[in-house]
């Protein structure tokens, strides 16, 4: 098992419309947290999505931070 961190960010907010990812109010984004792997991030994402299921405009996302921090995947800056 690798000890490599594969950081993932979970966040969400209310969209202006259902056709594009444009948030109504950036000041009200819900930063759920940063997680060490996809499985933990997905668990947090599912929980938040379930809590907001009655608001069709509310969306949560998982961002693969490790891909932005190390785009070529060599583990170096």
PDB file of N, CA and C in Angstrom:
ATOM      1  N   UNK A   1       0.838  -1.186   0.000  1.00  0.00           N
ATOM      2  CA  UNK A   1       0.000   0.000   0.000  1.00  0.00           C
ATOM      3  C   UNK A   1       0.877   1.241   0.000  1.00  0.00           C
ATOM      4  N   UNK A   2       0.560   2.185  -0.830  1.00  0.00           N
ATOM      5  CA  UNK A   2       1.343   3.400  -0.970  1.00  0.00           C
ATOM      6  C   UNK A   2       0.999   4.400   0.134  1.00  0.00           C
ATOM      7  N   UNK A   3       2.030   5.137   0.568  1.00  0.00           N
ATOM      8  CA  UNK A   3       1.788   6.177   1.567  1.00  0.00           C
ATOM      9  C   UNK A   3       1.625   7.538   0.902  1.00  0.00           C
ATOM     10  N   UNK A   4       1.503   7.550  -0.410  1.00  0.00           N
ATOM     11  CA  UNK A   4       1.333   8.784  -1.174  1.00  0.00           C
ATOM     12  C   UNK A   4      -0.017   9.425  -0.840  1.00  0.00           C
ATOM     13  N   UNK A   5       0.039  10.725  -0.562  1.00  0.00           N
ATOM     14  CA  UNK A   5      -1.207  11.442  -0.290  1.00  0.00           C
ATOM     15  C   UNK A   5      -1.873  11.830  -1.606  1.00  0.00           C
ATOM     16  N   UNK A   6      -3.124  11.489  -1.732  1.00  0.00           N
ATOM     17  CA  UNK A   6      -3.916  11.886  -2.895  1.00  0.00           C
ATOM     18  C   UNK A   6      -5.041  12.781  -2.379  1.00  0.00           C
ATOM     19  N   UNK A   7      -4.692  14.031  -2.132  1.00  0.00           N
ATOM     20  CA  UNK A   7      -5.633  14.962  -1.499  1.00  0.00           C
ATOM     21  C   UNK A   7      -6.818  15.291  -2.389  1.00  0.00           C
ATOM     22  N   UNK A   8      -7.989  15.359  -1.752  1.00  0.00           N
ATOM     23  CA  UNK A   8      -9.240  15.698  -2.434  1.00  0.00           C
ATOM     24  C   UNK A   8      -9.983  16.740  -1.613  1.00  0.00           C
ATOM     25  N   UNK A   9     -10.506  17.742  -2.287  1.00  0.00           N
ATOM     26  CA  UNK A   9     -11.305  18.802  -1.664  1.00  0.00           C
ATOM     27  C   UNK A   9     -12.772  18.553  -1.963  1.00  0.00           C
ATOM     28  N   UNK A  10     -13.620  18.663  -0.945  1.00  0.00           N
ATOM     29  CA  UNK A  10     -15.074  18.561  -1.130  1.00  0.00           C
ATOM     30  C   UNK A  10     -15.663  19.918  -0.786  1.00  0.00           C
ATOM     31  N   UNK A  11     -16.419  20.466  -1.725  1.00  0.00           N
ATOM     32  CA  UNK A  11     -17.067  21.758  -1.500  1.00  0.00           C
ATOM     33  C   UNK A  11     -18.358  21.816  -2.303  1.00  0.00           C
ATOM     34  N   UNK A  12     -19.179  22.786  -1.971  1.00  0.00           N
ATOM     35  CA  UNK A  12     -20.439  22.930  -2.693  1.00  0.00           C
ATOM     36  C   UNK A  12     -21.030  24.301  -2.517  1.00  0.00           C
ATOM     37  N   UNK A  13     -22.121  24.503  -3.220  1.00  0.00           N
ATOM     38  CA  UNK A  13     -22.831  25.763  -3.152  1.00  0.00           C
ATOM     39  C   UNK A  13     -24.063  25.722  -4.027  1.00  0.00           C
ATOM     40  N   UNK A  14     -24.808  26.791  -3.956  1.00  0.00           N
ATOM     41  CA  UNK A  14     -26.039  26.884  -4.727  1.00  0.00           C
ATOM     42  C   UNK A  14     -25.740  27.473  -6.105  1.00  0.00           C
ATOM     43  N   UNK A  15     -26.183  26.772  -7.152  1.00  0.00           N
ATOM     44  CA  UNK A  15     -25.958  27.205  -8.515  1.00  0.00           C
ATOM     45  C   UNK A  15     -27.018  28.208  -8.957  1.00  0.00           C
ATOM     46  N   UNK A  16     -26.627  29.114  -9.865  1.00  0.00           N
ATOM     47  CA  UNK A  16     -27.590  30.072 -10.421  1.00  0.00           C
ATOM     48  C   UNK A  16     -28.646  29.352 -11.253  1.00  0.00           C
ATOM     49  N   UNK A  17     -28.206  28.354 -12.045  1.00  0.00           N
ATOM     50  CA  UNK A  17     -29.144  27.561 -12.834  1.00  0.00           C
ATOM     51  C   UNK A  17     -28.566  26.155 -12.968  1.00  0.00           C
ATOM     52  N   UNK A  18     -29.355  25.265 -13.494  1.00  0.00           N
ATOM     53  CA  UNK A  18     -28.946  23.863 -13.568  1.00  0.00           C
ATOM     54  C   UNK A  18     -28.168  23.525 -14.834  1.00  0.00           C
ATOM     55  N   UNK A  19     -27.941  24.515 -15.685  1.00  0.00           N
ATOM     56  CA  UNK A  19     -27.263  24.282 -16.955  1.00  0.00           C
ATOM     57  C   UNK A  19     -25.755  24.499 -16.904  1.00  0.00           C
ATOM     58  N   UNK A  20     -25.251  25.174 -15.863  1.00  0.00           N
ATOM     59  CA  UNK A  20     -23.817  25.445 -15.787  1.00  0.00           C
ATOM     60  C   UNK A  20     -23.360  25.526 -14.334  1.00  0.00           C
ATOM     61  N   UNK A  21     -22.067  25.435 -14.149  1.00  0.00           N
ATOM     62  CA  UNK A  21     -21.502  25.536 -12.801  1.00  0.00           C
ATOM     63  C   UNK A  21     -21.123  26.995 -12.562  1.00  0.00           C
ATOM     64  N   UNK A  22     -22.111  27.765 -12.121  1.00  0.00           N
ATOM     65  CA  UNK A  22     -21.920  29.164 -11.746  1.00  0.00           C
ATOM     66  C   UNK A  22     -22.687  29.375 -10.443  1.00  0.00           C
ATOM     67  N   UNK A  23     -21.935  29.666  -9.386  1.00  0.00           N
ATOM     68  CA  UNK A  23     -22.529  29.755  -8.060  1.00  0.00           C
ATOM     69  C   UNK A  23     -23.250  31.089  -7.852  1.00  0.00           C
ATOM     70  N   UNK A  24     -24.361  31.038  -7.117  1.00  0.00           N
ATOM     71  CA  UNK A  24     -25.127  32.250  -6.805  1.00  0.00           C
ATOM     72  C   UNK A  24     -24.340  33.232  -5.962  1.00  0.00           C
ATOM     73  N   UNK A  25     -23.635  32.720  -4.952  1.00  0.00           N
ATOM     74  CA  UNK A  25     -22.920  33.587  -4.014  1.00  0.00           C
ATOM     75  C   UNK A  25     -21.644  32.890  -3.558  1.00  0.00           C
ATOM     76  N   UNK A  26     -20.505  33.350  -4.058  1.00  0.00           N
ATOM     77  CA  UNK A  26     -19.231  32.721  -3.710  1.00  0.00           C
ATOM     78  C   UNK A  26     -18.917  32.832  -2.227  1.00  0.00           C
ATOM     79  N   UNK A  27     -19.457  33.846  -1.568  1.00  0.00           N
ATOM     80  CA  UNK A  27     -19.232  33.998  -0.125  1.00  0.00           C
ATOM     81  C   UNK A  27     -19.941  32.920   0.693  1.00  0.00           C
ATOM     82  N   UNK A  28     -20.881  32.228   0.069  1.00  0.00           N
ATOM     83  CA  UNK A  28     -21.637  31.189   0.775  1.00  0.00           C
ATOM     84  C   UNK A  28     -21.240  29.766   0.366  1.00  0.00           C
ATOM     85  N   UNK A  29     -20.080  29.629  -0.291  1.00  0.00           N
ATOM     86  CA  UNK A  29     -19.621  28.282  -0.627  1.00  0.00           C
ATOM     87  C   UNK A  29     -19.382  27.499   0.656  1.00  0.00           C
ATOM     88  N   UNK A  30     -19.738  26.239   0.629  1.00  0.00           N
ATOM     89  CA  UNK A  30     -19.564  25.353   1.769  1.00  0.00           C
ATOM     90  C   UNK A  30     -18.314  24.512   1.529  1.00  0.00           C
ATOM     91  N   UNK A  31     -17.218  24.857   2.221  1.00  0.00           N
ATOM     92  CA  UNK A  31     -15.988  24.083   2.126  1.00  0.00           C
ATOM     93  C   UNK A  31     -16.099  22.952   3.157  1.00  0.00           C
ATOM     94  N   UNK A  32     -16.373  21.761   2.688  1.00  0.00           N
ATOM     95  CA  UNK A  32     -16.595  20.617   3.567  1.00  0.00           C
ATOM     96  C   UNK A  32     -15.275  20.164   4.183  1.00  0.00           C
ATOM     97  N   UNK A  33     -14.240  20.038   3.360  1.00  0.00           N
ATOM     98  CA  UNK A  33     -12.947  19.643   3.893  1.00  0.00           C
ATOM     99  C   UNK A  33     -12.021  19.063   2.849  1.00  0.00           C
ATOM    100  N   UNK A  34     -10.798  18.770   3.301  1.00  0.00           N
ATOM    101  CA  UNK A  34      -9.777  18.138   2.474  1.00  0.00           C
ATOM    102  C   UNK A  34      -9.564  16.728   3.031  1.00  0.00           C
ATOM    103  N   UNK A  35      -9.525  15.753   2.130  1.00  0.00           N
ATOM    104  CA  UNK A  35      -9.473  14.349   2.524  1.00  0.00           C
ATOM    105  C   UNK A  35      -8.260  13.662   1.898  1.00  0.00           C
ATOM    106  N   UNK A  36      -7.719  12.641   2.571  1.00  0.00           N
ATOM    107  CA  UNK A  36      -6.477  12.017   2.128  1.00  0.00           C
ATOM    108  C   UNK A  36      -6.608  11.053   0.951  1.00  0.00           C
ATOM    109  N   UNK A  37      -7.840  10.718   0.584  1.00  0.00           N
ATOM    110  CA  UNK A  37      -8.044   9.800  -0.535  1.00  0.00           C
ATOM    111  C   UNK A  37      -9.465   9.980  -1.078  1.00  0.00           C
ATOM    112  N   UNK A  38      -9.700   9.391  -2.241  1.00  0.00           N
ATOM    113  CA  UNK A  38     -10.994   9.558  -2.900  1.00  0.00           C
ATOM    114  C   UNK A  38     -12.131   8.927  -2.098  1.00  0.00           C
ATOM    115  N   UNK A  39     -11.882   7.793  -1.483  1.00  0.00           N
ATOM    116  CA  UNK A  39     -12.948   7.099  -0.737  1.00  0.00           C
ATOM    117  C   UNK A  39     -13.470   7.962   0.402  1.00  0.00           C
ATOM    118  N   UNK A  40     -12.585   8.598   1.137  1.00  0.00           N
ATOM    119  CA  UNK A  40     -13.007   9.469   2.240  1.00  0.00           C
ATOM    120  C   UNK A  40     -13.730  10.697   1.704  1.00  0.00           C
ATOM    121  N   UNK A  41     -13.237  11.247   0.600  1.00  0.00           N
ATOM    122  CA  UNK A  41     -13.887  12.418  -0.005  1.00  0.00           C
ATOM    123  C   UNK A  41     -15.288  12.063  -0.510  1.00  0.00           C
ATOM    124  N   UNK A  42     -15.404  10.904  -1.128  1.00  0.00           N
ATOM    125  CA  UNK A  42     -16.709  10.481  -1.646  1.00  0.00           C
ATOM    126  C   UNK A  42     -17.717  10.281  -0.509  1.00  0.00           C
ATOM    127  N   UNK A  43     -17.270   9.755   0.598  1.00  0.00           N
ATOM    128  CA  UNK A  43     -18.152   9.569   1.752  1.00  0.00           C
ATOM    129  C   UNK A  43     -18.674  10.924   2.253  1.00  0.00           C
ATOM    130  N   UNK A  44     -17.783  11.909   2.352  1.00  0.00           N
ATOM    131  CA  UNK A  44     -18.190  13.257   2.779  1.00  0.00           C
ATOM    132  C   UNK A  44     -19.107  13.900   1.742  1.00  0.00           C
ATOM    133  N   UNK A  45     -18.785  13.726   0.459  1.00  0.00           N
ATOM    134  CA  UNK A  45     -19.601  14.282  -0.623  1.00  0.00           C
ATOM    135  C   UNK A  45     -21.018  13.700  -0.581  1.00  0.00           C
ATOM    136  N   UNK A  46     -21.126  12.389  -0.429  1.00  0.00           N
ATOM    137  CA  UNK A  46     -22.447  11.748  -0.379  1.00  0.00           C
ATOM    138  C   UNK A  46     -23.272  12.247   0.807  1.00  0.00           C
ATOM    139  N   UNK A  47     -22.631  12.423   1.936  1.00  0.00           N
ATOM    140  CA  UNK A  47     -23.341  12.908   3.129  1.00  0.00           C
ATOM    141  C   UNK A  47     -23.888  14.314   2.904  1.00  0.00           C
ATOM    142  N   UNK A  48     -23.061  15.203   2.353  1.00  0.00           N
ATOM    143  CA  UNK A  48     -23.522  16.580   2.119  1.00  0.00           C
ATOM    144  C   UNK A  48     -24.581  16.624   1.027  1.00  0.00           C
ATOM    145  N   UNK A  49     -24.403  15.855  -0.013  1.00  0.00           N
ATOM    146  CA  UNK A  49     -25.396  15.822  -1.088  1.00  0.00           C
ATOM    147  C   UNK A  49     -26.741  15.329  -0.566  1.00  0.00           C
ATOM    148  N   UNK A  50     -26.726  14.329   0.295  1.00  0.00           N
ATOM    149  CA  UNK A  50     -27.963  13.796   0.868  1.00  0.00           C
ATOM    150  C   UNK A  50     -28.652  14.830   1.752  1.00  0.00           C
ATOM    151  N   UNK A  51     -27.869  15.606   2.500  1.00  0.00           N
ATOM    152  CA  UNK A  51     -28.436  16.639   3.381  1.00  0.00           C
ATOM    153  C   UNK A  51     -29.149  17.742   2.600  1.00  0.00           C
ATOM    154  N   UNK A  52     -28.740  17.957   1.343  1.00  0.00           N
ATOM    155  CA  UNK A  52     -29.287  19.063   0.555  1.00  0.00           C
ATOM    156  C   UNK A  52     -30.138  18.582  -0.614  1.00  0.00           C
ATOM    157  N   UNK A  53     -30.593  17.340  -0.554  1.00  0.00           N
ATOM    158  CA  UNK A  53     -31.318  16.732  -1.672  1.00  0.00           C
ATOM    159  C   UNK A  53     -32.600  17.512  -2.031  1.00  0.00           C
ATOM    160  N   UNK A  54     -33.188  18.233  -1.109  1.00  0.00           N
ATOM    161  CA  UNK A  54     -34.419  18.976  -1.386  1.00  0.00           C
ATOM    162  C   UNK A  54     -34.183  20.280  -2.150  1.00  0.00           C
ATOM    163  N   UNK A  55     -32.935  20.714  -2.280  1.00  0.00           N
ATOM    164  CA  UNK A  55     -32.615  21.938  -3.019  1.00  0.00           C
ATOM    165  C   UNK A  55     -31.944  21.532  -4.332  1.00  0.00           C
ATOM    166  N   UNK A  56     -32.692  21.600  -5.427  1.00  0.00           N
ATOM    167  CA  UNK A  56     -32.182  21.159  -6.724  1.00  0.00           C
ATOM    168  C   UNK A  56     -30.990  21.972  -7.198  1.00  0.00           C
ATOM    169  N   UNK A  57     -30.840  23.193  -6.718  1.00  0.00           N
ATOM    170  CA  UNK A  57     -29.738  24.052  -7.155  1.00  0.00           C
ATOM    171  C   UNK A  57     -28.461  23.859  -6.336  1.00  0.00           C
ATOM    172  N   UNK A  58     -28.531  23.108  -5.268  1.00  0.00           N
ATOM    173  CA  UNK A  58     -27.364  22.885  -4.419  1.00  0.00           C
ATOM    174  C   UNK A  58     -26.556  21.723  -4.978  1.00  0.00           C
ATOM    175  N   UNK A  59     -25.259  21.947  -5.189  1.00  0.00           N
ATOM    176  CA  UNK A  59     -24.385  20.915  -5.731  1.00  0.00           C
ATOM    177  C   UNK A  59     -23.092  20.855  -4.941  1.00  0.00           C
ATOM    178  N   UNK A  60     -22.589  19.650  -4.764  1.00  0.00           N
ATOM    179  CA  UNK A  60     -21.297  19.419  -4.127  1.00  0.00           C
ATOM    180  C   UNK A  60     -20.374  18.741  -5.123  1.00  0.00           C
ATOM    181  N   UNK A  61     -19.084  19.032  -4.989  1.00  0.00           N
ATOM    182  CA  UNK A  61     -18.077  18.562  -5.932  1.00  0.00           C
ATOM    183  C   UNK A  61     -16.879  17.980  -5.182  1.00  0.00           C
ATOM    184  N   UNK A  62     -16.187  17.072  -5.854  1.00  0.00           N
ATOM    185  CA  UNK A  62     -14.911  16.557  -5.369  1.00  0.00           C
ATOM    186  C   UNK A  62     -13.842  17.045  -6.344  1.00  0.00           C
ATOM    187  N   UNK A  63     -12.848  17.745  -5.810  1.00  0.00           N
ATOM    188  CA  UNK A  63     -11.736  18.247  -6.617  1.00  0.00           C
ATOM    189  C   UNK A  63     -10.501  17.413  -6.296  1.00  0.00           C
ATOM    190  N   UNK A  64      -9.863  16.905  -7.322  1.00  0.00           N
ATOM    191  CA  UNK A  64      -8.652  16.105  -7.161  1.00  0.00           C
ATOM    192  C   UNK A  64      -7.467  17.063  -7.012  1.00  0.00           C
ATOM    193  N   UNK A  65      -7.232  17.505  -5.783  1.00  0.00           N
ATOM    194  CA  UNK A  65      -6.171  18.475  -5.519  1.00  0.00           C
ATOM    195  C   UNK A  65      -4.796  17.918  -5.876  1.00  0.00           C
ATOM    196  N   UNK A  66      -4.602  16.630  -5.674  1.00  0.00           N
ATOM    197  CA  UNK A  66      -3.297  16.028  -5.962  1.00  0.00           C
ATOM    198  C   UNK A  66      -2.917  16.174  -7.422  1.00  0.00           C
ATOM    199  N   UNK A  67      -3.901  16.242  -8.312  1.00  0.00           N
ATOM    200  CA  UNK A  67      -3.614  16.416  -9.738  1.00  0.00           C
ATOM    201  C   UNK A  67      -3.182  17.850 -10.055  1.00  0.00           C
ATOM    202  N   UNK A  68      -3.646  18.798  -9.266  1.00  0.00           N
ATOM    203  CA  UNK A  68      -3.224  20.190  -9.461  1.00  0.00           C
ATOM    204  C   UNK A  68      -1.862  20.435  -8.818  1.00  0.00           C
ATOM    205  N   UNK A  69      -1.595  19.767  -7.698  1.00  0.00           N
ATOM    206  CA  UNK A  69      -0.331  19.949  -6.997  1.00  0.00           C
ATOM    207  C   UNK A  69       0.824  19.235  -7.695  1.00  0.00           C
ATOM    208  N   UNK A  70       0.517  18.148  -8.381  1.00  0.00           N
ATOM    209  CA  UNK A  70       1.541  17.345  -9.048  1.00  0.00           C
ATOM    210  C   UNK A  70       0.989  16.863 -10.389  1.00  0.00           C
ATOM    211  N   UNK A  71       0.867  17.783 -11.372  1.00  0.00           N
ATOM    212  CA  UNK A  71       0.189  17.432 -12.626  1.00  0.00           C
ATOM    213  C   UNK A  71       0.863  16.311 -13.439  1.00  0.00           C
ATOM    214  N   UNK A  72       2.172  16.169 -13.323  1.00  0.00           N
ATOM    215  CA  UNK A  72       2.837  15.103 -14.083  1.00  0.00           C
ATOM    216  C   UNK A  72       2.959  13.795 -13.295  1.00  0.00           C
ATOM    217  N   UNK A  73       2.534  13.820 -12.024  1.00  0.00           N
ATOM    218  CA  UNK A  73       2.469  12.613 -11.228  1.00  0.00           C
ATOM    219  C   UNK A  73       3.791  12.029 -10.765  1.00  0.00           C
ATOM    220  N   UNK A  74       4.863  12.832 -10.816  1.00  0.00           N
ATOM    221  CA  UNK A  74       6.164  12.290 -10.410  1.00  0.00           C
ATOM    222  C   UNK A  74       6.478  12.476  -8.931  1.00  0.00           C
ATOM    223  N   UNK A  75       5.572  13.125  -8.195  1.00  0.00           N
ATOM    224  CA  UNK A  75       5.767  13.319  -6.764  1.00  0.00           C
ATOM    225  C   UNK A  75       6.719  14.441  -6.408  1.00  0.00           C
ATOM    226  N   UNK A  76       7.113  15.240  -7.410  1.00  0.00           N
ATOM    227  CA  UNK A  76       8.058  16.345  -7.186  1.00  0.00           C
ATOM    228  C   UNK A  76       7.441  17.662  -7.652  1.00  0.00           C
ATOM    229  N   UNK A  77       7.962  18.743  -7.107  1.00  0.00           N
ATOM    230  CA  UNK A  77       7.496  20.070  -7.551  1.00  0.00           C
ATOM    231  C   UNK A  77       8.104  20.433  -8.879  1.00  0.00           C
TER     232      UNK A  77
END
